[in-house]
C-alpha atoms as a PDB file:
ATOM      1  CA  MET A   1      69.491 -67.762  49.477  1.00  0.00           C
ATOM      2  CA  ALA A   2      65.725 -67.703  49.916  1.00  0.00           C
ATOM      3  CA  ARG A   3      65.261 -64.270  51.631  1.00  0.00           C
ATOM      4  CA  ALA A   4      62.829 -63.633  54.727  1.00  0.00           C
ATOM      5  CA  THR A   5      59.401 -61.949  54.521  1.00  0.00           C
ATOM      6  CA  PRO A   6      57.744 -61.215  57.454  1.00  0.00           C
ATOM      7  CA  LYS A   7      55.449 -63.903  57.306  1.00  0.00           C
ATOM      8  CA  THR A   8      58.235 -66.294  57.518  1.00  0.00           C
ATOM      9  CA  THR A   9      58.127 -68.333  60.775  1.00  0.00           C
ATOM     10  CA  ILE A  10      59.137 -71.598  62.940  1.00  0.00           C
ATOM     11  CA  ILE A  11      56.329 -73.176  61.380  1.00  0.00           C
ATOM     12  CA  ASP A  12      58.247 -72.553  58.339  1.00  0.00           C
ATOM     13  CA  VAL A  13      61.257 -73.981  59.460  1.00  0.00           C
ATOM     14  CA  ALA A  14      59.562 -77.318  60.867  1.00  0.00           C
ATOM     15  CA  LYS A  15      58.139 -77.503  57.042  1.00  0.00           C
ATOM     16  CA  ARG A  16      61.142 -76.736  55.556  1.00  0.00           C
ATOM     17  CA  ALA A  17      63.367 -79.362  58.057  1.00  0.00           C
ATOM     18  CA  GLY A  18      60.810 -81.548  58.128  1.00  0.00           C
ATOM     19  CA  VAL A  19      60.487 -81.918  61.690  1.00  0.00           C
ATOM     20  CA  SER A  20      58.242 -80.759  64.534  1.00  0.00           C
ATOM     21  CA  LEU A  21      58.351 -77.075  65.668  1.00  0.00           C
ATOM     22  CA  ALA A  22      59.022 -78.697  68.938  1.00  0.00           C
ATOM     23  CA  THR A  23      62.225 -80.172  67.313  1.00  0.00           C
ATOM     24  CA  VAL A  24      62.768 -76.850  66.377  1.00  0.00           C
ATOM     25  CA  SER A  25      62.528 -74.820  69.223  1.00  0.00           C
ATOM     26  CA  ARG A  26      64.981 -77.008  71.110  1.00  0.00           C
ATOM     27  CA  VAL A  27      67.270 -76.739  68.149  1.00  0.00           C
ATOM     28  CA  MET A  28      66.903 -72.185  68.284  1.00  0.00           C
ATOM     29  CA  ASN A  29      67.265 -72.876  71.997  1.00  0.00           C
ATOM     30  CA  GLY A  30      70.590 -75.008  72.063  1.00  0.00           C
ATOM     31  CA  ASN A  31      69.118 -77.630  73.361  1.00  0.00           C
ATOM     32  CA  PRO A  32      71.954 -80.480  72.923  1.00  0.00           C
ATOM     33  CA  SER A  33      69.254 -83.335  73.321  1.00  0.00           C
ATOM     34  CA  VAL A  34      68.279 -82.880  70.265  1.00  0.00           C
ATOM     35  CA  ASP A  35      69.891 -85.617  67.605  1.00  0.00           C
ATOM     36  CA  PRO A  36      72.951 -83.703  66.085  1.00  0.00           C
ATOM     37  CA  VAL A  37      71.519 -84.604  62.029  1.00  0.00           C
ATOM     38  CA  LEU A  38      68.671 -83.038  63.034  1.00  0.00           C
ATOM     39  CA  ALA A  39      69.879 -80.421  64.452  1.00  0.00           C
ATOM     40  CA  ALA A  40      72.148 -79.898  61.187  1.00  0.00           C
ATOM     41  CA  ARG A  41      68.429 -80.213  59.176  1.00  0.00           C
ATOM     42  CA  VAL A  42      67.092 -77.272  61.323  1.00  0.00           C
ATOM     43  CA  ARG A  43      69.746 -75.201  61.378  1.00  0.00           C
ATOM     44  CA  ASP A  44      70.063 -75.256  57.250  1.00  0.00           C
ATOM     45  CA  ALA A  45      66.580 -75.144  57.015  1.00  0.00           C
ATOM     46  CA  ALA A  46      66.545 -71.856  59.287  1.00  0.00           C
ATOM     47  CA  ALA A  47      69.733 -70.421  57.487  1.00  0.00           C
ATOM     48  CA  GLU A  48      67.825 -71.187  53.819  1.00  0.00           C
ATOM     49  CA  LEU A  49      64.764 -69.083  54.974  1.00  0.00           C
ATOM     50  CA  ASP A  50      66.637 -66.589  56.969  1.00  0.00           C
ATOM     51  CA  TYR A  51      65.560 -67.241  59.831  1.00  0.00           C
ATOM     52  CA  THR A  52      65.745 -66.470  63.896  1.00  0.00           C
ATOM     53  CA  ALA A  53      63.891 -67.273  66.578  1.00  0.00           C
ATOM     54  CA  ASN A  54      62.190 -63.913  68.011  1.00  0.00           C
ATOM     55  CA  PRO A  55      60.648 -64.851  72.171  1.00  0.00           C
ATOM     56  CA  LEU A  56      57.024 -64.750  71.290  1.00  0.00           C
ATOM     57  CA  ALA A  57      57.412 -67.780  68.730  1.00  0.00           C
ATOM     58  CA  ARG A  58      59.547 -69.600  71.632  1.00  0.00           C
ATOM     59  CA  SER A  59      56.702 -68.829  74.195  1.00  0.00           C
ATOM     60  CA  LEU A  60      54.016 -70.320  72.012  1.00  0.00           C
ATOM     61  CA  VAL A  61      55.672 -73.281  71.228  1.00  0.00           C
ATOM     62  CA  LEU A  62      57.684 -73.672  74.685  1.00  0.00           C
ATOM     63  CA  GLY A  63      54.113 -72.740  76.354  1.00  0.00           C
ATOM     64  CA  ARG A  64      56.090 -70.267  78.685  1.00  0.00           C
ATOM     65  CA  THR A  65      56.383 -66.260  78.223  1.00  0.00           C
ATOM     66  CA  GLN A  66      59.322 -65.939  80.189  1.00  0.00           C
ATOM     67  CA  THR A  67      57.725 -63.256  81.895  1.00  0.00           C
ATOM     68  CA  VAL A  68      56.369 -63.623  85.712  1.00  0.00           C
ATOM     69  CA  ALA A  69      53.501 -60.739  87.151  1.00  0.00           C
ATOM     70  CA  VAL A  70      53.861 -58.843  90.297  1.00  0.00           C
ATOM     71  CA  VAL A  71      51.156 -56.751  92.183  1.00  0.00           C
ATOM     72  CA  VAL A  72      51.924 -54.428  94.322  1.00  0.00           C
ATOM     73  CA  PRO A  73      49.274 -52.313  96.022  1.00  0.00           C
ATOM     74  CA  ASP A  74      51.053 -49.082  95.906  1.00  0.00           C
ATOM     75  CA  LEU A  75      54.292 -48.407  93.249  1.00  0.00           C
ATOM     76  CA  GLY A  76      54.371 -44.870  94.659  1.00  0.00           C
ATOM     77  CA  ASN A  77      55.610 -46.272  98.107  1.00  0.00           C
ATOM     78  CA  PRO A  78      59.713 -46.535  97.640  1.00  0.00           C
ATOM     79  CA  THR A  79      59.616 -50.002 100.018  1.00  0.00           C
ATOM     80  CA  PHE A  80      57.490 -51.769  97.019  1.00  0.00           C
ATOM     81  CA  GLN A  81      60.098 -50.393  94.366  1.00  0.00           C
ATOM     82  CA  THR A  82      62.718 -51.740  95.988  1.00  0.00           C
ATOM     83  CA  ILE A  83      61.469 -54.843  96.017  1.00  0.00           C
ATOM     84  CA  LEU A  84      60.796 -54.938  92.605  1.00  0.00           C
ATOM     85  CA  ARG A  85      63.827 -53.786  91.716  1.00  0.00           C
ATOM     86  CA  GLY A  86      65.529 -56.666  93.552  1.00  0.00           C
ATOM     87  CA  LEU A  87      63.206 -58.789  91.838  1.00  0.00           C
ATOM     88  CA  SER A  88      63.932 -57.372  88.203  1.00  0.00           C
ATOM     89  CA  ARG A  89      67.054 -58.174  88.712  1.00  0.00           C
ATOM     90  CA  ALA A  90      66.748 -61.710  89.644  1.00  0.00           C
ATOM     91  CA  ALA A  91      64.581 -62.365  86.980  1.00  0.00           C
ATOM     92  CA  ALA A  92      66.411 -60.917  84.479  1.00  0.00           C
ATOM     93  CA  ALA A  93      69.694 -62.470  85.225  1.00  0.00           C
ATOM     94  CA  ASP A  94      67.426 -65.826  84.608  1.00  0.00           C
ATOM     95  CA  GLY A  95      66.213 -64.263  81.357  1.00  0.00           C
ATOM     96  CA  TYR A  96      62.344 -63.850  82.767  1.00  0.00           C
ATOM     97  CA  HIS A  97      61.131 -60.218  81.954  1.00  0.00           C
ATOM     98  CA  VAL A  98      58.472 -58.893  84.644  1.00  0.00           C
ATOM     99  CA  LEU A  99      55.282 -57.492  84.199  1.00  0.00           C
ATOM    100  CA  ILE A 100      54.047 -54.933  87.159  1.00  0.00           C
ATOM    101  CA  ALA A 101      50.974 -54.098  88.086  1.00  0.00           C
ATOM    102  CA  ASP A 102      49.568 -51.593  91.118  1.00  0.00           C
ATOM    103  CA  SER A 103      45.978 -51.806  92.576  1.00  0.00           C
ATOM    104  CA  ALA A 104      46.568 -48.330  94.149  1.00  0.00           C
ATOM    105  CA  GLU A 105      45.791 -49.274  97.582  1.00  0.00           C
ATOM    106  CA  GLN A 106      42.028 -50.647  96.109  1.00  0.00           C
ATOM    107  CA  VAL A 107      41.057 -54.059  97.350  1.00  0.00           C
ATOM    108  CA  GLY A 108      38.693 -54.648  94.671  1.00  0.00           C
ATOM    109  CA  GLU A 109      41.359 -54.326  91.776  1.00  0.00           C
ATOM    110  CA  GLU A 110      43.540 -57.168  93.309  1.00  0.00           C
ATOM    111  CA  ARG A 111      42.254 -60.260  92.623  1.00  0.00           C
ATOM    112  CA  SER A 112      41.166 -59.013  88.654  1.00  0.00           C
ATOM    113  CA  LEU A 113      44.800 -57.587  88.321  1.00  0.00           C
ATOM    114  CA  ALA A 114      46.235 -60.636  89.894  1.00  0.00           C
ATOM    115  CA  VAL A 115      43.876 -63.335  87.330  1.00  0.00           C
ATOM    116  CA  GLU A 116      44.468 -61.281  84.421  1.00  0.00           C
ATOM    117  CA  ALA A 117      48.585 -60.618  85.207  1.00  0.00           C
ATOM    118  CA  ARG A 118      49.165 -64.372  85.396  1.00  0.00           C
ATOM    119  CA  ARG A 119      46.994 -65.455  81.966  1.00  0.00           C
ATOM    120  CA  ARG A 120      49.169 -63.153  80.523  1.00  0.00           C
ATOM    121  CA  THR A 121      52.718 -64.982  82.467  1.00  0.00           C
ATOM    122  CA  ASP A 122      54.770 -68.016  83.556  1.00  0.00           C
ATOM    123  CA  GLY A 123      53.834 -66.942  87.322  1.00  0.00           C
ATOM    124  CA  LEU A 124      52.815 -64.635  89.669  1.00  0.00           C
ATOM    125  CA  VAL A 125      54.046 -62.356  92.786  1.00  0.00           C
ATOM    126  CA  LEU A 126      51.694 -61.096  95.101  1.00  0.00           C
ATOM    127  CA  CYS A 127      52.774 -58.440  97.372  1.00  0.00           C
ATOM    128  CA  ALA A 128      51.277 -57.637 100.523  1.00  0.00           C
ATOM    129  CA  PRO A 129      47.798 -57.953  99.617  1.00  0.00           C
ATOM    130  CA  ARG A 130      45.230 -56.644 101.035  1.00  0.00           C
ATOM    131  CA  MET A 131      42.416 -58.641 100.413  1.00  0.00           C
ATOM    132  CA  PRO A 132      40.830 -60.698 103.424  1.00  0.00           C
ATOM    133  CA  ASP A 133      42.077 -64.387 104.120  1.00  0.00           C
ATOM    134  CA  GLY A 134      39.243 -66.147 102.270  1.00  0.00           C
ATOM    135  CA  GLU A 135      39.463 -64.071  99.448  1.00  0.00           C
ATOM    136  CA  LEU A 136      42.960 -64.666  99.147  1.00  0.00           C
ATOM    137  CA  GLY A 137      42.605 -68.213  99.528  1.00  0.00           C
ATOM    138  CA  GLU A 138      40.554 -68.834  96.441  1.00  0.00           C
ATOM    139  CA  LEU A 139      42.573 -66.375  94.324  1.00  0.00           C
ATOM    140  CA  LEU A 140      45.742 -68.351  95.400  1.00  0.00           C
ATOM    141  CA  ALA A 141      44.193 -71.526  94.014  1.00  0.00           C
ATOM    142  CA  GLU A 142      43.498 -70.022  90.811  1.00  0.00           C
ATOM    143  CA  VAL A 143      46.564 -68.626  90.021  1.00  0.00           C
ATOM    144  CA  GLN A 144      49.367 -70.608  90.873  1.00  0.00           C
ATOM    145  CA  PRO A 145      52.543 -70.757  90.283  1.00  0.00           C
ATOM    146  CA  VAL A 146      52.725 -68.064  92.780  1.00  0.00           C
ATOM    147  CA  VAL A 147      54.560 -66.296  95.565  1.00  0.00           C
ATOM    148  CA  LEU A 148      54.009 -63.859  98.694  1.00  0.00           C
ATOM    149  CA  VAL A 149      55.726 -61.055  99.656  1.00  0.00           C
ATOM    150  CA  ASN A 150      54.746 -59.958 103.264  1.00  0.00           C
ATOM    151  CA  ARG A 151      51.473 -61.939 103.542  1.00  0.00           C
ATOM    152  CA  ILE A 152      51.492 -65.421 104.987  1.00  0.00           C
ATOM    153  CA  ALA A 153      48.812 -67.894 103.582  1.00  0.00           C
ATOM    154  CA  ASP A 154      49.625 -71.513 104.366  1.00  0.00           C
ATOM    155  CA  GLU A 155      52.307 -73.527 104.178  1.00  0.00           C
ATOM    156  CA  THR A 156      51.758 -74.678 100.672  1.00  0.00           C
ATOM    157  CA  ILE A 157      52.208 -71.408  99.628  1.00  0.00           C
ATOM    158  CA  PRO A 158      56.127 -70.054  99.247  1.00  0.00           C
ATOM    159  CA  THR A 159      56.353 -66.901 101.024  1.00  0.00           C
ATOM    160  CA  VAL A 160      58.844 -64.407 101.703  1.00  0.00           C
ATOM    161  CA  ALA A 161      58.169 -61.772 104.236  1.00  0.00           C
ATOM    162  CA  ALA A 162      59.717 -59.171 106.972  1.00  0.00           C
ATOM    163  CA  ASP A 163      59.308 -59.585 110.588  1.00  0.00           C
ATOM    164  CA  TYR A 164      57.293 -56.391 111.066  1.00  0.00           C
ATOM    165  CA  GLN A 165      56.679 -57.056 114.988  1.00  0.00           C
ATOM    166  CA  THR A 166      59.811 -57.445 116.104  1.00  0.00           C
ATOM    167  CA  PRO A 167      61.692 -54.628 114.956  1.00  0.00           C
ATOM    168  CA  LEU A 168      58.124 -52.374 116.017  1.00  0.00           C
ATOM    169  CA  HIS A 169      58.390 -53.792 119.621  1.00  0.00           C
ATOM    170  CA  GLU A 170      62.216 -52.521 119.934  1.00  0.00           C
ATOM    171  CA  LEU A 171      61.176 -49.041 118.011  1.00  0.00           C
ATOM    172  CA  VAL A 172      58.455 -48.634 121.360  1.00  0.00           C
ATOM    173  CA  LYS A 173      61.071 -49.685 123.672  1.00  0.00           C
ATOM    174  CA  HIS A 174      63.172 -47.228 122.118  1.00  0.00           C
ATOM    175  CA  LEU A 175      61.240 -45.089 122.907  1.00  0.00           C
ATOM    176  CA  TYR A 176      60.049 -45.769 126.130  1.00  0.00           C
ATOM    177  CA  ASP A 177      63.866 -45.927 127.032  1.00  0.00           C
ATOM    178  CA  LEU A 178      64.576 -42.204 126.570  1.00  0.00           C
ATOM    179  CA  GLY A 179      61.442 -41.675 129.143  1.00  0.00           C
ATOM    180  CA  HIS A 180      58.441 -41.145 126.265  1.00  0.00           C
ATOM    181  CA  ARG A 181      55.190 -42.043 128.324  1.00  0.00           C
ATOM    182  CA  ARG A 182      52.530 -41.226 125.956  1.00  0.00           C
ATOM    183  CA  ILE A 183      53.456 -42.282 122.294  1.00  0.00           C
ATOM    184  CA  VAL A 184      50.915 -41.707 119.018  1.00  0.00           C
ATOM    185  CA  TYR A 185      51.254 -44.556 116.680  1.00  0.00           C
ATOM    186  CA  LEU A 186      50.062 -43.303 113.068  1.00  0.00           C
ATOM    187  CA  ALA A 187      47.961 -46.459 111.587  1.00  0.00           C
ATOM    188  CA  GLY A 188      48.416 -47.792 108.039  1.00  0.00           C
ATOM    189  CA  VAL A 189      46.245 -49.201 105.633  1.00  0.00           C
ATOM    190  CA  ALA A 190      43.686 -51.405 108.498  1.00  0.00           C
ATOM    191  CA  ARG A 191      44.256 -54.533 105.886  1.00  0.00           C
ATOM    192  CA  SER A 192      47.502 -54.546 105.603  1.00  0.00           C
ATOM    193  CA  ALA A 193      49.250 -57.266 107.142  1.00  0.00           C
ATOM    194  CA  SER A 194      52.363 -55.866 108.430  1.00  0.00           C
ATOM    195  CA  ASN A 195      49.748 -52.859 110.358  1.00  0.00           C
ATOM    196  CA  SER A 196      48.201 -55.755 112.055  1.00  0.00           C
ATOM    197  CA  ALA A 197      51.984 -57.118 113.202  1.00  0.00           C
ATOM    198  CA  ARG A 198      52.712 -53.317 114.286  1.00  0.00           C
ATOM    199  CA  LEU A 199      49.523 -53.692 116.197  1.00  0.00           C
ATOM    200  CA  ALA A 200      50.243 -56.455 117.643  1.00  0.00           C
ATOM    201  CA  ALA A 201      53.478 -55.360 118.899  1.00  0.00           C
ATOM    202  CA  LEU A 202      52.027 -52.127 120.467  1.00  0.00           C
ATOM    203  CA  SER A 203      49.589 -54.914 122.483  1.00  0.00           C
ATOM    204  CA  ALA A 204      52.360 -56.289 123.782  1.00  0.00           C
ATOM    205  CA  PHE A 205      54.043 -53.628 124.926  1.00  0.00           C
ATOM    206  CA  ARG A 206      51.327 -52.222 126.580  1.00  0.00           C
ATOM    207  CA  ALA A 207      51.087 -55.468 128.577  1.00  0.00           C
ATOM    208  CA  GLU A 208      54.293 -55.241 129.509  1.00  0.00           C
ATOM    209  CA  HIS A 209      54.393 -51.828 130.315  1.00  0.00           C
ATOM    210  CA  PRO A 210      50.498 -50.932 131.713  1.00  0.00           C
ATOM    211  CA  GLU A 211      52.007 -47.209 132.679  1.00  0.00           C
ATOM    212  CA  THR A 212      52.691 -46.209 128.803  1.00  0.00           C
ATOM    213  CA  GLU A 213      49.611 -44.579 127.007  1.00  0.00           C
ATOM    214  CA  LEU A 214      49.764 -45.892 123.350  1.00  0.00           C
ATOM    215  CA  ILE A 215      47.722 -44.119 121.491  1.00  0.00           C
ATOM    216  CA  GLU A 216      46.616 -45.223 117.982  1.00  0.00           C
ATOM    217  CA  LEU A 217      45.296 -43.005 115.338  1.00  0.00           C
ATOM    218  CA  SER A 218      44.122 -43.596 111.992  1.00  0.00           C
ATOM    219  CA  SER A 219      46.462 -42.064 109.329  1.00  0.00           C
ATOM    220  CA  GLY A 220      47.576 -43.689 105.711  1.00  0.00           C
ATOM    221  CA  VAL A 221      50.564 -44.573 104.328  1.00  0.00           C
ATOM    222  CA  ASP A 222      51.601 -42.104 102.087  1.00  0.00           C
ATOM    223  CA  PHE A 223      53.459 -38.272 102.973  1.00  0.00           C
ATOM    224  CA  ASP A 224      50.418 -36.586 102.529  1.00  0.00           C
ATOM    225  CA  SER A 225      48.967 -38.985 104.970  1.00  0.00           C
ATOM    226  CA  GLY A 226      51.757 -38.252 107.894  1.00  0.00           C
ATOM    227  CA  ALA A 227      50.875 -34.230 107.165  1.00  0.00           C
ATOM    228  CA  ALA A 228      47.275 -34.160 107.808  1.00  0.00           C
ATOM    229  CA  ALA A 229      47.897 -36.000 111.287  1.00  0.00           C
ATOM    230  CA  VAL A 230      49.906 -32.591 112.838  1.00  0.00           C
ATOM    231  CA  ASP A 231      46.559 -31.814 114.471  1.00  0.00           C
ATOM    232  CA  ALA A 232      44.992 -34.672 115.954  1.00  0.00           C
ATOM    233  CA  VAL A 233      49.465 -35.895 117.036  1.00  0.00           C
ATOM    234  CA  ILE A 234      49.717 -32.068 118.658  1.00  0.00           C
ATOM    235  CA  ALA A 235      45.937 -32.297 120.414  1.00  0.00           C
ATOM    236  CA  THR A 236      47.335 -36.274 122.551  1.00  0.00           C
ATOM    237  CA  GLY A 237      49.998 -34.158 124.261  1.00  0.00           C
ATOM    238  CA  ALA A 238      52.034 -37.025 123.176  1.00  0.00           C
ATOM    239  CA  THR A 239      55.766 -36.451 123.473  1.00  0.00           C
ATOM    240  CA  ALA A 240      56.750 -39.253 120.559  1.00  0.00           C
ATOM    241  CA  VAL A 241      55.022 -40.411 117.175  1.00  0.00           C
ATOM    242  CA  LEU A 242      55.777 -44.035 115.560  1.00  0.00           C
ATOM    243  CA  ALA A 243      54.470 -43.714 111.965  1.00  0.00           C
ATOM    244  CA  PHE A 244      53.564 -46.586 109.921  1.00  0.00           C
ATOM    245  CA  ASN A 245      56.420 -46.084 107.379  1.00  0.00           C
ATOM    246  CA  ASP A 246      58.680 -43.355 106.847  1.00  0.00           C
ATOM    247  CA  LEU A 247      56.851 -41.710 104.301  1.00  0.00           C
ATOM    248  CA  VAL A 248      53.924 -41.030 106.673  1.00  0.00           C
ATOM    249  CA  ALA A 249      57.145 -40.276 109.519  1.00  0.00           C
ATOM    250  CA  MET A 250      58.494 -37.607 106.712  1.00  0.00           C
ATOM    251  CA  GLY A 251      55.052 -35.968 106.299  1.00  0.00           C
ATOM    252  CA  LEU A 252      54.771 -35.329 110.582  1.00  0.00           C
ATOM    253  CA  LEU A 253      58.252 -34.058 110.265  1.00  0.00           C
ATOM    254  CA  SER A 254      57.516 -31.194 107.590  1.00  0.00           C
ATOM    255  CA  ALA A 255      53.854 -30.434 109.187  1.00  0.00           C
ATOM    256  CA  VAL A 256      55.402 -30.277 113.092  1.00  0.00           C
ATOM    257  CA  ALA A 257      58.190 -28.182 111.576  1.00  0.00           C
ATOM    258  CA  ALA A 258      56.094 -25.829 109.842  1.00  0.00           C
ATOM    259  CA  ARG A 259      54.252 -25.102 113.429  1.00  0.00           C
ATOM    260  CA  GLY A 260      57.586 -24.338 114.806  1.00  0.00           C
ATOM    261  CA  ILE A 261      58.027 -27.805 116.618  1.00  0.00           C
ATOM    262  CA  ARG A 262      61.472 -28.703 116.880  1.00  0.00           C
ATOM    263  CA  VAL A 263      62.098 -32.244 116.749  1.00  0.00           C
ATOM    264  CA  PRO A 264      63.729 -34.380 118.803  1.00  0.00           C
ATOM    265  CA  GLU A 265      63.263 -31.812 121.311  1.00  0.00           C
ATOM    266  CA  GLN A 266      59.781 -31.284 121.600  1.00  0.00           C
ATOM    267  CA  LEU A 267      58.287 -34.346 119.643  1.00  0.00           C
ATOM    268  CA  SER A 268      60.246 -37.396 118.989  1.00  0.00           C
ATOM    269  CA  ILE A 269      59.215 -38.427 115.662  1.00  0.00           C
ATOM    270  CA  ALA A 270      60.199 -42.569 114.086  1.00  0.00           C
ATOM    271  CA  GLY A 271      59.681 -44.318 110.979  1.00  0.00           C
ATOM    272  CA  PHE A 272      59.769 -47.669 109.166  1.00  0.00           C
ATOM    273  CA  ASP A 273      61.330 -48.836 106.446  1.00  0.00           C
ATOM    274  CA  ASP A 274      64.536 -47.255 106.366  1.00  0.00           C
ATOM    275  CA  ILE A 275      63.721 -45.935 102.379  1.00  0.00           C
ATOM    276  CA  PRO A 276      66.783 -43.797 100.819  1.00  0.00           C
ATOM    277  CA  PHE A 277      65.572 -40.469 101.686  1.00  0.00           C
ATOM    278  CA  ALA A 278      65.436 -41.585 105.197  1.00  0.00           C
ATOM    279  CA  ARG A 279      68.849 -40.980 106.298  1.00  0.00           C
ATOM    280  CA  TYR A 280      68.502 -37.657 105.073  1.00  0.00           C
ATOM    281  CA  THR A 281      65.546 -35.549 106.481  1.00  0.00           C
ATOM    282  CA  SER A 282      66.423 -33.245 109.070  1.00  0.00           C
ATOM    283  CA  PRO A 283      66.709 -34.380 111.728  1.00  0.00           C
ATOM    284  CA  PRO A 284      67.641 -37.768 110.152  1.00  0.00           C
ATOM    285  CA  LEU A 285      65.260 -40.340 111.005  1.00  0.00           C
ATOM    286  CA  THR A 286      64.893 -42.857 112.877  1.00  0.00           C
ATOM    287  CA  THR A 287      63.647 -46.478 111.699  1.00  0.00           C
ATOM    288  CA  ALA A 288      63.877 -49.542 110.904  1.00  0.00           C
ATOM    289  CA  SER A 289      65.320 -50.933 107.741  1.00  0.00           C
ATOM    290  CA  VAL A 290      63.652 -53.333 106.057  1.00  0.00           C
ATOM    291  CA  PRO A 291      65.806 -55.443 103.503  1.00  0.00           C
ATOM    292  CA  ALA A 292      63.730 -54.985 100.655  1.00  0.00           C
ATOM    293  CA  ILE A 293      65.869 -55.542  97.787  1.00  0.00           C
ATOM    294  CA  ALA A 294      66.513 -59.327  99.405  1.00  0.00           C
ATOM    295  CA  LEU A 295      62.786 -59.682  99.690  1.00  0.00           C
ATOM    296  CA  GLY A 296      62.675 -58.995  96.356  1.00  0.00           C
ATOM    297  CA  GLU A 297      65.374 -61.597  95.254  1.00  0.00           C
ATOM    298  CA  LEU A 298      64.198 -64.217  97.655  1.00  0.00           C
ATOM    299  CA  ALA A 299      60.534 -63.474  95.809  1.00  0.00           C
ATOM    300  CA  TRP A 300      61.993 -64.256  92.487  1.00  0.00           C
ATOM    301  CA  HIS A 301      64.463 -67.201  93.501  1.00  0.00           C
ATOM    302  CA  ALA A 302      61.574 -68.823  95.387  1.00  0.00           C
ATOM    303  CA  LEU A 303      58.878 -68.275  91.988  1.00  0.00           C
ATOM    304  CA  HIS A 304      61.475 -69.426  89.697  1.00  0.00           C
ATOM    305  CA  ALA A 305      62.502 -72.600  91.769  1.00  0.00           C
ATOM    306  CA  THR A 306      58.663 -73.393  91.159  1.00  0.00           C
ATOM    307  CA  LEU A 307      58.763 -72.648  87.475  1.00  0.00           C
ATOM    308  CA  THR A 308      61.362 -75.127  87.091  1.00  0.00           C
ATOM    309  CA  HIS A 309      60.486 -77.407  89.701  1.00  0.00           C
ATOM    310  CA  ASP A 310      63.522 -77.121  91.969  1.00  0.00           C
ATOM    311  CA  ASP A 311      63.479 -77.466  95.857  1.00  0.00           C
ATOM    312  CA  ALA A 312      63.617 -74.105  97.453  1.00  0.00           C
ATOM    313  CA  PRO A 313      62.599 -72.788 100.962  1.00  0.00           C
ATOM    314  CA  ARG A 314      59.039 -72.765 101.441  1.00  0.00           C
ATOM    315  CA  SER A 315      58.870 -69.580 103.615  1.00  0.00           C
ATOM    316  CA  VAL A 316      61.449 -67.602 104.024  1.00  0.00           C
ATOM    317  CA  ARG A 317      61.019 -64.583 107.142  1.00  0.00           C
ATOM    318  CA  LEU A 318      63.795 -61.868 107.305  1.00  0.00           C
ATOM    319  CA  GLU A 319      64.108 -59.349 110.304  1.00  0.00           C
ATOM    320  CA  PRO A 320      64.556 -55.613 109.865  1.00  0.00           C
ATOM    321  CA  GLN A 321      67.142 -53.599 112.213  1.00  0.00           C
ATOM    322  CA  VAL A 322      66.675 -50.885 113.990  1.00  0.00           C
ATOM    323  CA  VAL A 323      68.314 -47.590 112.811  1.00  0.00           C
ATOM    324  CA  VAL A 324      68.884 -44.875 115.802  1.00  0.00           C
ATOM    325  CA  ARG A 325      69.154 -41.406 114.182  1.00  0.00           C
ATOM    326  CA  ALA A 326      68.737 -38.125 115.560  1.00  0.00           C
ATOM    327  CA  SER A 327      64.591 -38.153 114.984  1.00  0.00           C
ATOM    328  CA  THR A 328      64.117 -39.935 118.388  1.00  0.00           C
ATOM    329  CA  GLY A 329      65.406 -37.741 122.001  1.00  0.00           C
ATOM    330  CA  PRO A 330      64.636 -37.842 125.509  1.00  0.00           C
ATOM    331  CA  ALA A 331      61.108 -37.067 126.703  1.00  0.00           C
ATOM    332  CA  HIS A 332      60.925 -33.423 127.304  1.00  0.00           C
ATOM    333  CA  ARG A 333      59.968 -32.655 130.629  1.00  0.00           C
END
């Protein structure tokens, strides 16, 4: 039997069997539509050449890479990590690999990363893109098939999103019911759609409860941002703080502890996302639990349905649940 050489390819098998590359590919992928006689000829040729299909060769023949790309704004954020975990596991179950690109909150990098990633893959997931609506619309037209996570574009683009407005309103109401009337919101990235949803919730709450002072302070999305905000928070005289996410809340928790401020006796603090560490802070953090694994899984199912031309929901919205823990308590008098 002829032994394989490094140059043995699917082209050699097709020539030996006297069939097309597509026929070889279908046989090597177990496609039952190939005539049994041709299939036997291809298998014999492959055996004679000691050839086994490799993923790259198969991708070139089929015009598919069996890989999809995900662009995230901050890979250091545990919520995005969890979304990726859900997506990657679901994709792997369907025989796909996932390429990950991190824009590191640099809006100018998002478009180039997305375009380059899409060129190398079969489809794209944009997770919470920060670019303006106009730029996003132009990009979506260029990189389809594409799925959006936590960003709404138009009804033609499959979207999987969490409702950030309703639970944020519930968190403010929770603090209000505890007697807090001066509350700080540590805002996240201004270009974030989820931050806009949070601001909308605060605006609605102001209209409902004009006696409550809601103070917005610019912050960020990470632990250091929360810690750096401690002086500004103290200066407001607020009795409670809502942080953009759990990382920011945890940074503030650490900083106020270093100042000898007791939580929640002197200052209540709430986060958002319910990352794995939130229940282990001191005290455990009140937050809203975002179903990040489900977001990732649903994003994959939406993209896979597009790739395989199956029916799938065009838009899915999940509801985070408020989780009350010991970091919030009655307002001090």
